């Protein structure tokens, strides 16, 4: 725990470890498995990686502290059902 914003605790990842969990299955590993493991291990989660269980750290403080906004209008509004006269076309 490195910080508190209001009543929300903010945490930082300090260390990571990849733990192999063996299974009783004898099926071979997928050919891409090693490639994905290598990509995952290339990401350094121990620097600048913060999280909170109750606070959205992906938004700015201003956005998190602002009052809730009204919902945006529907993406696809209801169609107009008014009659269209042939002379208007």
C-alpha atoms as a PDB file:
ATOM      1  CA  UNK A   1       0.000   0.000   0.000  1.00  0.00           C
ATOM      2  CA  UNK A   2       1.622   3.223  -1.107  1.00  0.00           C
ATOM      3  CA  UNK A   3      -1.167   5.810  -1.001  1.00  0.00           C
ATOM      4  CA  UNK A   4      -4.703   6.587   0.047  1.00  0.00           C
ATOM      5  CA  UNK A   5      -7.076   8.772  -1.989  1.00  0.00           C
ATOM      6  CA  UNK A   6     -10.118   9.481   0.112  1.00  0.00           C
ATOM      7  CA  UNK A   7     -11.108   6.067   1.408  1.00  0.00           C
ATOM      8  CA  UNK A   8      -9.419   4.197  -1.462  1.00  0.00           C
ATOM      9  CA  UNK A   9      -6.112   2.384  -0.993  1.00  0.00           C
ATOM     10  CA  UNK A  10      -3.620   2.439  -3.871  1.00  0.00           C
ATOM     11  CA  UNK A  11      -1.115  -0.405  -4.223  1.00  0.00           C
ATOM     12  CA  UNK A  12       2.076  -0.881  -6.234  1.00  0.00           C
ATOM     13  CA  UNK A  13       3.441  -4.126  -7.635  1.00  0.00           C
ATOM     14  CA  UNK A  14       6.953  -4.599  -6.275  1.00  0.00           C
ATOM     15  CA  UNK A  15       7.793  -8.069  -7.538  1.00  0.00           C
ATOM     16  CA  UNK A  16       6.325 -10.748  -9.749  1.00  0.00           C
ATOM     17  CA  UNK A  17       6.948 -14.441 -10.209  1.00  0.00           C
ATOM     18  CA  UNK A  18       5.701 -16.963 -12.695  1.00  0.00           C
ATOM     19  CA  UNK A  19       4.778 -20.213 -10.996  1.00  0.00           C
ATOM     20  CA  UNK A  20       4.412 -23.428 -12.948  1.00  0.00           C
ATOM     21  CA  UNK A  21       1.400 -25.473 -11.885  1.00  0.00           C
ATOM     22  CA  UNK A  22       1.763 -29.013 -13.200  1.00  0.00           C
ATOM     23  CA  UNK A  23      -1.288 -30.897 -14.296  1.00  0.00           C
ATOM     24  CA  UNK A  24      -1.945 -34.588 -14.566  1.00  0.00           C
ATOM     25  CA  UNK A  25      -2.780 -34.161 -18.219  1.00  0.00           C
ATOM     26  CA  UNK A  26      -0.232 -35.646 -20.572  1.00  0.00           C
ATOM     27  CA  UNK A  27      -1.219 -33.520 -23.539  1.00  0.00           C
ATOM     28  CA  UNK A  28       1.712 -31.615 -25.049  1.00  0.00           C
ATOM     29  CA  UNK A  29       2.033 -27.848 -24.710  1.00  0.00           C
ATOM     30  CA  UNK A  30       0.704 -25.718 -27.527  1.00  0.00           C
ATOM     31  CA  UNK A  31       3.509 -24.645 -29.893  1.00  0.00           C
ATOM     32  CA  UNK A  32       2.899 -20.956 -29.090  1.00  0.00           C
ATOM     33  CA  UNK A  33       3.135 -21.465 -25.315  1.00  0.00           C
ATOM     34  CA  UNK A  34       6.831 -20.581 -25.034  1.00  0.00           C
ATOM     35  CA  UNK A  35       6.356 -17.482 -27.184  1.00  0.00           C
ATOM     36  CA  UNK A  36       3.525 -16.221 -24.953  1.00  0.00           C
ATOM     37  CA  UNK A  37       5.498 -16.917 -21.790  1.00  0.00           C
ATOM     38  CA  UNK A  38       8.467 -15.002 -23.199  1.00  0.00           C
ATOM     39  CA  UNK A  39       6.230 -12.020 -24.112  1.00  0.00           C
ATOM     40  CA  UNK A  40       4.660 -12.027 -20.642  1.00  0.00           C
ATOM     41  CA  UNK A  41       8.038 -12.156 -18.914  1.00  0.00           C
ATOM     42  CA  UNK A  42       9.253  -9.225 -21.059  1.00  0.00           C
ATOM     43  CA  UNK A  43       6.702  -6.934 -19.374  1.00  0.00           C
ATOM     44  CA  UNK A  44       8.181  -5.323 -16.275  1.00  0.00           C
ATOM     45  CA  UNK A  45       5.265  -5.139 -13.846  1.00  0.00           C
ATOM     46  CA  UNK A  46       7.504  -4.030 -10.970  1.00  0.00           C
ATOM     47  CA  UNK A  47       7.871  -0.443 -12.200  1.00  0.00           C
ATOM     48  CA  UNK A  48       5.020   2.015 -12.567  1.00  0.00           C
ATOM     49  CA  UNK A  49       2.283  -0.570 -12.101  1.00  0.00           C
ATOM     50  CA  UNK A  50      -0.388   0.579  -9.656  1.00  0.00           C
ATOM     51  CA  UNK A  51      -3.827  -0.753  -8.831  1.00  0.00           C
ATOM     52  CA  UNK A  52      -6.734  -0.305  -6.457  1.00  0.00           C
ATOM     53  CA  UNK A  53      -9.618  -2.567  -5.587  1.00  0.00           C
ATOM     54  CA  UNK A  54     -12.071   0.336  -5.314  1.00  0.00           C
ATOM     55  CA  UNK A  55     -10.618   3.319  -7.224  1.00  0.00           C
ATOM     56  CA  UNK A  56     -10.286   3.586 -11.001  1.00  0.00           C
ATOM     57  CA  UNK A  57      -6.607   4.480 -11.464  1.00  0.00           C
ATOM     58  CA  UNK A  58      -7.077   4.697 -15.246  1.00  0.00           C
ATOM     59  CA  UNK A  59      -8.987   7.983 -14.849  1.00  0.00           C
ATOM     60  CA  UNK A  60      -7.641  11.334 -13.699  1.00  0.00           C
ATOM     61  CA  UNK A  61      -8.285  12.558 -10.169  1.00  0.00           C
ATOM     62  CA  UNK A  62     -10.521  15.287 -11.617  1.00  0.00           C
ATOM     63  CA  UNK A  63     -12.660  12.741 -13.451  1.00  0.00           C
ATOM     64  CA  UNK A  64     -12.938  10.493 -10.396  1.00  0.00           C
ATOM     65  CA  UNK A  65     -13.901  13.405  -8.128  1.00  0.00           C
ATOM     66  CA  UNK A  66     -16.411  14.988 -10.524  1.00  0.00           C
ATOM     67  CA  UNK A  67     -20.117  14.403  -9.912  1.00  0.00           C
ATOM     68  CA  UNK A  68     -21.700  11.716 -12.092  1.00  0.00           C
ATOM     69  CA  UNK A  69     -22.629  12.956 -15.538  1.00  0.00           C
ATOM     70  CA  UNK A  70     -25.877  12.288 -17.297  1.00  0.00           C
ATOM     71  CA  UNK A  71     -25.774   9.300 -19.577  1.00  0.00           C
ATOM     72  CA  UNK A  72     -24.959  10.048 -23.182  1.00  0.00           C
ATOM     73  CA  UNK A  73     -27.839   9.820 -25.639  1.00  0.00           C
ATOM     74  CA  UNK A  74     -28.450   6.441 -27.184  1.00  0.00           C
ATOM     75  CA  UNK A  75     -26.060   5.508 -29.947  1.00  0.00           C
ATOM     76  CA  UNK A  76     -28.949   4.467 -32.167  1.00  0.00           C
ATOM     77  CA  UNK A  77     -31.953   6.683 -31.408  1.00  0.00           C
ATOM     78  CA  UNK A  78     -35.444   5.424 -32.063  1.00  0.00           C
ATOM     79  CA  UNK A  79     -36.501   5.956 -35.695  1.00  0.00           C
ATOM     80  CA  UNK A  80     -38.873   8.771 -36.515  1.00  0.00           C
ATOM     81  CA  UNK A  81     -42.269   7.280 -37.233  1.00  0.00           C
ATOM     82  CA  UNK A  82     -43.940  10.406 -38.593  1.00  0.00           C
ATOM     83  CA  UNK A  83     -45.625  10.005 -41.959  1.00  0.00           C
ATOM     84  CA  UNK A  84     -43.711  11.357 -44.945  1.00  0.00           C
ATOM     85  CA  UNK A  85     -45.724  12.804 -47.789  1.00  0.00           C
ATOM     86  CA  UNK A  86     -44.782  11.878 -51.331  1.00  0.00           C
ATOM     87  CA  UNK A  87     -44.447  15.582 -52.203  1.00  0.00           C
ATOM     88  CA  UNK A  88     -41.570  15.983 -49.714  1.00  0.00           C
ATOM     89  CA  UNK A  89     -39.420  13.322 -51.367  1.00  0.00           C
END
